[in-house]
Amino acid sequence: MHTENLAFERPEAPPLFDVLVIGAGQAGLAMGYYLHLQRKKFLLLEAASLLGHSWQNRYDSLRLFTPVPYCHLPGWPLLLPKNHYPTKEDIARYLQAYAAQFQLPIALNQQVLCLRKVQGIFEVMTATQTWRAAHVVVATGPFQVPYIPAYPTGLSPQVVQLHSAQYKNPSQIPAGRVLVVGAGNSGAQIAAELAKTHEVHLSVKRKPRFSSLKMLGKSVFWWATKTGAIFASPSSRVGKKLLQKGDIIYGRELERLLKTKEVLLKPEIQDPKQAEVLFKDGSQASYQAIVWATGFRPDYSWLQVAGALAPDGSALHKKGMSPVAGLYYVGLSWQRSRSSALLLGAGRDAQFIARHLG
């Protein structure tokens, strides 16, 4: 049931929900599934006008590095061949079908402007309505505000600059040399794609680590789930080791391009100065464009509940449970394990939070 405006007999006193879920992406929908099983009175609030919008809005060539068996939410499979690596359109359609399958109550076009707690009750304010609930689950995910590093000087306006959140395809990039900054999986895929049409340099803080998509004929995620490594907590020995090593780039295409010099590896940027970029090894080069694949930062400026946020504005929580009674999170990076921000782990974490809701 999707609705943008719900009519009530007493509009001056909005009804009290058991649970409001802020965000109806993969984590929010997984949370909705378990609330549905518990027969809670709940509602998912989604800022976009369409489910799956955040997936559809990403770069055109995006493919997940997890094959279909590791892209399911609880209770309903992704109905594609098991060896298929889903596209962004595949996932957007899946999220829409998933919500329809369980008739999850979702209010679209509900960008949250303020969350506060008044006399023990949460009030969630959007541009059009105020919603009330005994519990709130924040499922906005870790990818909220595009991050671009700040430098003492800047680049010439002649240099085209895009964050990976704005990048769609190579047609946006002018002819000439392009610098991709950041070598997570998005940066790796974008650099490999641009290498077909442009001279590409890739700036990284540390040497990239690569993993094949398969090992001994099985997906690396088959091995990760069988050994339990993908579910290791951040405080465990395995989890600490994974966090220390940083991101792994899944797939070998960029590794091959680096070996053949079709993509040239550069160190971290020291300072961009007009048409030149100075790197920390003392080298410099000019670029017609830069793609900043430098990740995202959370934005909880709307979360106005005492005790919910750390001094730096990040969410305070332990395994998704806030020190504020009744406030929870799902879908955060390393919330409980490496899988927490993946489709693979959304259901596992949502089930954990559902159990603690009571």
Protein backbone atom coordinates (compact mmCIF):
# COMPACT_ATOMS: atom_id res chain seq x y z
CA MET A 1 0.00 0.00 0.00
CA HIS A 2 1.70 3.18 -1.16
CA THR A 3 0.26 6.49 -0.07
CA GLU A 4 1.38 10.07 -0.11
CA ASN A 5 -1.32 11.42 2.17
CA LEU A 6 -3.35 9.45 4.65
CA ALA A 7 -6.70 10.83 5.82
CA PHE A 8 -7.54 10.66 9.51
CA GLU A 9 -10.69 11.39 11.49
CA ARG A 10 -8.75 13.69 13.84
CA PRO A 11 -6.15 15.53 11.77
CA GLU A 12 -5.30 17.73 14.72
CA ALA A 13 -4.02 14.64 16.58
CA PRO A 14 -2.04 12.35 14.24
CA PRO A 15 -2.38 8.66 15.07
CA LEU A 16 0.29 6.98 17.11
CA PHE A 17 2.20 4.25 15.23
CA ASP A 18 4.05 1.49 16.97
CA VAL A 19 7.00 2.10 14.65
CA LEU A 20 7.97 4.65 12.01
CA VAL A 21 10.77 3.63 9.65
CA ILE A 22 12.62 6.52 8.02
CA GLY A 23 13.74 5.32 4.60
CA ALA A 24 12.32 2.66 2.29
CA GLY A 25 15.47 1.38 0.61
CA GLN A 26 16.75 -2.14 1.12
CA ALA A 27 17.22 -1.76 4.90
CA GLY A 28 13.87 -0.04 5.44
CA LEU A 29 11.99 -2.65 3.42
CA ALA A 30 13.69 -5.48 5.32
CA MET A 31 12.65 -3.78 8.55
CA GLY A 32 9.11 -3.47 7.20
CA TYR A 33 9.04 -7.21 6.49
CA TYR A 34 9.71 -8.09 10.12
CA LEU A 35 7.31 -5.46 11.44
CA HIS A 36 4.71 -6.96 9.08
CA LEU A 37 5.34 -10.40 10.61
CA GLN A 38 4.99 -8.94 14.10
CA ARG A 39 1.69 -7.29 13.11
CA LYS A 40 2.93 -3.92 14.28
CA LYS A 41 1.15 -0.72 13.34
CA PHE A 42 3.93 0.82 11.27
CA LEU A 43 4.72 3.08 8.33
CA LEU A 44 7.76 3.54 6.12
CA LEU A 45 8.56 7.15 5.18
CA GLU A 46 10.39 7.55 1.85
CA ALA A 47 11.78 10.88 0.62
CA ALA A 48 11.69 9.94 -3.07
CA SER A 49 8.63 9.74 -5.29
CA LEU A 50 9.46 6.18 -6.35
CA LEU A 51 10.90 3.15 -4.60
CA GLY A 52 14.36 2.26 -5.83
CA HIS A 53 15.09 5.86 -6.83
CA SER A 54 18.56 5.89 -5.26
CA TRP A 55 19.51 2.82 -7.32
CA GLN A 56 18.09 4.17 -10.56
CA ASN A 57 19.96 7.44 -10.03
CA ARG A 58 23.42 5.83 -10.03
CA TYR A 59 25.79 5.46 -12.98
CA ASP A 60 24.42 3.61 -16.00
CA SER A 61 26.87 0.70 -16.09
CA LEU A 62 26.60 -0.18 -12.39
CA ARG A 63 26.59 -3.88 -11.62
CA LEU A 64 26.69 -5.44 -8.19
CA PHE A 65 29.69 -7.60 -7.35
CA THR A 66 27.39 -9.96 -5.45
CA PRO A 67 25.56 -12.54 -7.64
CA VAL A 68 21.81 -13.05 -7.33
CA PRO A 69 21.79 -15.57 -4.43
CA TYR A 70 23.41 -12.90 -2.21
CA CYS A 71 21.05 -10.06 -3.17
CA HIS A 72 17.86 -11.25 -1.47
CA LEU A 73 15.85 -9.52 1.18
CA PRO A 74 14.04 -11.75 3.72
CA GLY A 75 11.01 -13.69 2.56
CA TRP A 76 11.15 -12.98 -1.19
CA PRO A 77 13.94 -13.93 -3.64
CA LEU A 78 15.34 -11.91 -6.51
CA LEU A 79 13.94 -13.87 -9.45
CA LEU A 80 16.93 -13.81 -11.81
CA PRO A 81 19.47 -16.48 -12.87
CA LYS A 82 21.72 -17.37 -9.95
CA ASN A 83 24.96 -16.57 -11.80
CA HIS A 84 23.71 -13.11 -12.85
CA TYR A 85 25.30 -9.98 -11.37
CA PRO A 86 22.35 -7.56 -10.99
CA THR A 87 22.22 -4.13 -12.61
CA LYS A 88 20.90 -1.06 -10.83
CA GLU A 89 17.60 -1.47 -12.73
CA ASP A 90 17.34 -5.08 -11.54
CA ILE A 91 17.61 -3.97 -7.92
CA ALA A 92 15.22 -1.02 -8.29
CA ARG A 93 12.56 -3.32 -9.81
CA TYR A 94 13.19 -5.90 -7.08
CA LEU A 95 12.62 -3.36 -4.29
CA GLN A 96 9.37 -2.26 -5.90
CA ALA A 97 8.19 -5.87 -6.30
CA TYR A 98 9.24 -6.68 -2.73
CA ALA A 99 7.14 -3.85 -1.26
CA ALA A 100 4.16 -4.92 -3.37
CA GLN A 101 4.54 -8.59 -2.42
CA PHE A 102 4.08 -7.85 1.29
CA GLN A 103 1.84 -4.78 0.82
CA LEU A 104 4.13 -2.74 3.02
CA PRO A 105 2.64 0.62 4.06
CA ILE A 106 4.82 3.33 2.53
CA ALA A 107 4.35 7.08 2.35
CA LEU A 108 6.28 8.54 -0.60
CA ASN A 109 7.53 12.13 -1.00
CA GLN A 110 8.15 12.34 2.74
CA GLN A 111 11.55 13.95 3.19
CA VAL A 112 12.10 14.13 6.95
CA LEU A 113 12.91 17.64 8.16
CA CYS A 114 12.95 17.00 11.88
CA LEU A 115 12.80 14.10 14.32
CA ARG A 116 12.26 14.99 17.97
CA LYS A 117 11.03 13.29 21.10
CA VAL A 118 8.25 14.98 23.08
CA GLN A 119 7.02 13.50 26.37
CA GLY A 120 8.28 10.04 25.42
CA ILE A 121 6.74 10.08 21.93
CA PHE A 122 8.69 10.55 18.69
CA GLU A 123 7.46 13.20 16.28
CA VAL A 124 8.64 13.00 12.67
CA MET A 125 8.02 16.17 10.66
CA THR A 126 8.05 16.33 6.87
CA ALA A 127 7.10 19.21 4.56
CA THR A 128 3.48 18.03 4.53
CA GLN A 129 2.77 16.14 7.74
CA THR A 130 3.75 15.27 11.28
CA TRP A 131 3.88 11.60 12.20
CA ARG A 132 4.00 10.13 15.73
CA ALA A 133 5.34 6.83 17.00
CA ALA A 134 6.50 4.99 20.09
CA HIS A 135 9.58 3.76 18.21
CA VAL A 136 11.60 5.02 15.23
CA VAL A 137 13.99 3.04 13.03
CA VAL A 138 16.35 5.18 10.94
CA ALA A 139 17.04 3.37 7.66
CA THR A 140 18.53 6.20 5.60
CA GLY A 141 21.74 4.24 4.98
CA PRO A 142 25.38 5.35 4.98
CA PHE A 143 25.36 7.10 1.57
CA GLN A 144 23.70 10.46 2.20
CA VAL A 145 25.85 13.49 1.29
CA PRO A 146 28.52 13.25 -1.46
CA TYR A 147 31.95 14.03 -0.03
CA ILE A 148 34.72 15.88 -1.88
CA PRO A 149 37.95 16.66 0.03
CA ALA A 150 38.83 20.31 0.65
CA TYR A 151 42.21 21.68 -0.43
CA PRO A 152 44.00 25.01 0.24
CA THR A 153 43.73 26.02 -3.41
CA GLY A 154 41.32 25.01 -6.13
CA LEU A 155 40.99 23.93 -9.72
CA SER A 156 40.23 26.11 -12.68
CA PRO A 157 36.53 26.27 -13.64
CA GLN A 158 37.68 24.85 -16.99
CA VAL A 159 38.20 21.48 -15.32
CA VAL A 160 34.95 19.49 -15.31
CA GLN A 161 34.32 18.02 -11.87
CA LEU A 162 31.75 15.37 -10.96
CA HIS A 163 31.19 13.34 -7.85
CA SER A 164 30.51 9.66 -8.54
CA ALA A 165 26.92 10.36 -7.41
CA GLN A 166 26.58 12.69 -10.43
CA TYR A 167 28.43 10.52 -12.93
CA LYS A 168 26.22 8.57 -15.36
CA ASN A 169 28.40 7.61 -18.35
CA PRO A 170 31.50 8.69 -20.34
CA SER A 171 29.52 11.16 -22.47
CA GLN A 172 29.65 13.61 -19.53
CA ILE A 173 33.45 13.71 -19.67
CA PRO A 174 35.20 15.95 -22.22
CA ALA A 175 37.91 14.54 -24.47
CA GLY A 176 41.35 14.38 -22.88
CA ARG A 177 42.87 13.12 -19.68
CA VAL A 178 40.59 12.36 -16.71
CA LEU A 179 41.49 11.74 -13.08
CA VAL A 180 39.39 9.39 -10.98
CA VAL A 181 39.97 9.96 -7.27
CA GLY A 182 39.24 6.99 -5.01
CA ALA A 183 39.41 3.28 -5.68
CA GLY A 184 36.47 1.73 -3.94
CA ASN A 185 34.31 -0.48 -6.11
CA SER A 186 32.50 2.51 -7.66
CA GLY A 187 35.76 4.28 -8.47
CA ALA A 188 37.18 1.07 -9.92
CA GLN A 189 34.17 0.48 -12.18
CA ILE A 190 34.10 4.12 -13.34
CA ALA A 191 37.86 4.16 -14.07
CA ALA A 192 37.61 0.91 -16.06
CA GLU A 193 34.67 2.24 -18.05
CA LEU A 194 36.33 5.57 -18.83
CA ALA A 195 39.53 3.81 -19.96
CA LYS A 196 37.66 2.65 -23.07
CA THR A 197 37.28 6.26 -24.26
CA HIS A 198 39.76 8.41 -22.29
CA GLU A 199 43.25 8.54 -20.88
CA VAL A 200 42.62 7.72 -17.23
CA HIS A 201 44.68 8.31 -14.10
CA LEU A 202 43.54 6.88 -10.75
CA SER A 203 44.50 8.58 -7.48
CA VAL A 204 44.52 6.40 -4.37
CA LYS A 205 45.57 6.67 -0.73
CA ARG A 206 46.77 3.08 -0.62
CA LYS A 207 47.52 0.43 -3.21
CA PRO A 208 44.27 -1.22 -4.35
CA ARG A 209 43.53 -4.79 -3.27
CA PHE A 210 41.68 -7.02 -5.71
CA SER A 211 39.61 -10.17 -5.38
CA SER A 212 38.29 -12.47 -8.07
CA LEU A 213 34.52 -12.84 -8.17
CA LYS A 214 34.92 -16.61 -7.93
CA MET A 215 37.21 -19.03 -6.13
CA LEU A 216 37.30 -22.73 -7.04
CA GLY A 217 34.14 -22.28 -9.09
CA LYS A 218 32.16 -20.67 -6.26
CA SER A 219 31.33 -17.02 -5.64
CA VAL A 220 33.66 -15.43 -3.09
CA PHE A 221 30.48 -14.56 -1.21
CA TRP A 222 29.61 -18.27 -1.05
CA TRP A 223 32.91 -18.77 0.75
CA ALA A 224 32.40 -15.67 2.91
CA THR A 225 28.97 -16.85 4.09
CA LYS A 226 30.05 -20.47 4.59
CA THR A 227 33.03 -19.43 6.71
CA GLY A 228 31.04 -16.70 8.45
CA ALA A 229 33.63 -14.03 7.56
CA ILE A 230 31.00 -11.77 5.98
CA PHE A 231 29.10 -11.77 9.30
CA ALA A 232 32.12 -11.14 11.54
CA SER A 233 31.51 -8.28 13.96
CA PRO A 234 33.73 -5.18 13.81
CA SER A 235 35.08 -6.05 17.27
CA SER A 236 36.07 -9.61 16.29
CA ARG A 237 39.58 -10.58 15.18
CA VAL A 238 38.40 -11.13 11.60
CA GLY A 239 36.36 -7.93 11.59
CA LYS A 240 39.26 -5.83 12.89
CA LYS A 241 41.53 -7.31 10.22
CA LEU A 242 39.05 -6.49 7.45
CA LEU A 243 38.58 -2.94 8.72
CA GLN A 244 42.33 -2.41 8.92
CA LYS A 245 42.89 -3.61 5.36
CA GLY A 246 40.15 -1.40 3.91
CA ASP A 247 38.07 -1.91 0.79
CA ILE A 248 38.56 -4.81 -1.60
CA ILE A 249 37.85 -4.25 -5.29
CA TYR A 250 35.84 -7.20 -6.59
CA GLY A 251 36.68 -8.26 -10.14
CA ARG A 252 39.98 -8.09 -11.99
CA GLU A 253 39.27 -5.64 -14.82
CA LEU A 254 40.92 -2.62 -13.21
CA GLU A 255 43.86 -4.75 -12.06
CA ARG A 256 44.47 -5.77 -15.67
CA LEU A 257 44.19 -2.16 -16.87
CA LEU A 258 46.74 -1.04 -14.27
CA LYS A 259 49.17 -3.76 -15.33
CA THR A 260 48.89 -2.78 -19.00
CA LYS A 261 49.14 0.95 -18.13
CA GLU A 262 45.74 1.59 -19.70
CA VAL A 263 44.96 3.20 -16.35
CA LEU A 264 47.86 4.96 -14.63
CA LEU A 265 48.01 4.76 -10.84
CA LYS A 266 48.75 8.00 -9.00
CA PRO A 267 49.24 8.68 -5.28
CA GLU A 268 47.01 10.81 -3.08
CA ILE A 269 46.45 14.43 -4.13
CA GLN A 270 48.58 17.02 -2.35
CA ASP A 271 46.84 20.08 -3.82
CA PRO A 272 44.98 21.00 -7.01
CA LYS A 273 46.19 24.31 -8.46
CA GLN A 274 44.23 25.74 -11.37
CA ALA A 275 44.88 23.40 -14.31
CA GLU A 276 47.44 21.25 -12.48
CA VAL A 277 47.05 18.61 -9.78
CA LEU A 278 50.04 18.13 -7.46
CA PHE A 279 50.40 14.64 -5.96
CA LYS A 280 52.12 13.63 -2.72
CA ASP A 281 55.04 12.04 -4.59
CA GLY A 282 55.86 15.44 -6.09
CA SER A 283 54.51 14.65 -9.56
CA GLN A 284 51.88 16.78 -11.22
CA ALA A 285 49.60 16.58 -14.23
CA SER A 286 46.81 18.50 -15.90
CA TYR A 287 43.31 17.11 -16.45
CA GLN A 288 40.27 18.01 -18.45
CA ALA A 289 38.01 16.34 -15.87
CA ILE A 290 38.01 14.83 -12.38
CA VAL A 291 35.57 12.24 -11.06
CA TRP A 292 35.53 12.27 -7.26
CA ALA A 293 34.76 8.70 -6.17
CA THR A 294 35.46 9.78 -2.61
CA GLY A 295 32.39 8.43 -0.90
CA PHE A 296 29.67 9.97 1.21
CA ARG A 297 29.13 11.38 4.67
CA PRO A 298 26.07 10.95 6.89
CA ASP A 299 23.74 13.87 7.53
CA TYR A 300 21.70 13.71 10.71
CA SER A 301 21.04 17.45 11.00
CA TRP A 302 17.33 16.62 11.10
CA LEU A 303 17.75 14.25 14.07
CA GLN A 304 17.07 16.61 16.95
CA VAL A 305 16.88 14.18 19.85
CA ALA A 306 19.10 14.79 22.87
CA GLY A 307 21.72 12.09 23.32
CA ALA A 308 21.30 10.57 19.84
CA LEU A 309 24.37 12.02 18.14
CA ALA A 310 28.08 12.21 18.87
CA PRO A 311 29.83 15.62 18.91
CA ASP A 312 30.91 15.06 15.28
CA GLY A 313 27.28 14.53 14.23
CA SER A 314 27.51 10.78 13.73
CA ALA A 315 24.88 8.40 15.09
CA LEU A 316 25.52 6.91 18.52
CA HIS A 317 24.53 3.25 18.58
CA LYS A 318 25.57 -0.25 19.57
CA LYS A 319 24.62 -2.82 16.93
CA GLY A 320 21.96 -0.41 15.70
CA MET A 321 20.49 0.36 19.11
CA SER A 322 20.65 4.01 20.18
CA PRO A 323 21.21 5.07 23.79
CA VAL A 324 17.91 6.93 23.31
CA ALA A 325 15.08 4.57 24.26
CA GLY A 326 12.95 3.64 21.26
CA LEU A 327 15.43 4.81 18.59
CA TYR A 328 17.16 2.30 16.28
CA TYR A 329 19.13 2.08 13.03
CA VAL A 330 19.44 -0.38 10.17
CA GLY A 331 21.65 -0.32 7.09
CA LEU A 332 24.74 1.41 8.53
CA SER A 333 28.22 0.38 7.41
CA TRP A 334 29.61 -2.20 9.81
CA GLN A 335 26.53 -1.85 12.03
CA ARG A 336 26.93 -5.45 13.09
CA SER A 337 29.21 -6.86 10.36
CA ARG A 338 30.72 -6.30 6.90
CA SER A 339 27.34 -7.29 5.43
CA SER A 340 25.32 -4.59 7.21
CA ALA A 341 25.20 -2.07 4.33
CA LEU A 342 24.68 -4.79 1.68
CA LEU A 343 21.46 -6.43 0.48
CA LEU A 344 23.02 -9.61 1.87
CA GLY A 345 22.94 -8.32 5.45
CA ALA A 346 19.87 -6.07 5.51
CA GLY A 347 17.49 -8.79 6.64
CA ARG A 348 19.84 -10.13 9.28
CA ASP A 349 20.21 -6.73 10.94
CA ALA A 350 16.52 -5.86 10.57
CA GLN A 351 15.56 -9.10 12.30
CA PHE A 352 17.95 -8.29 15.16
CA ILE A 353 16.36 -4.85 15.67
CA ALA A 354 12.83 -6.28 15.36
CA ARG A 355 13.58 -8.67 18.23
CA HIS A 356 14.63 -5.76 20.43
CA LEU A 357 11.52 -3.73 19.66
CA GLY A 358 9.49 -6.12 21.75
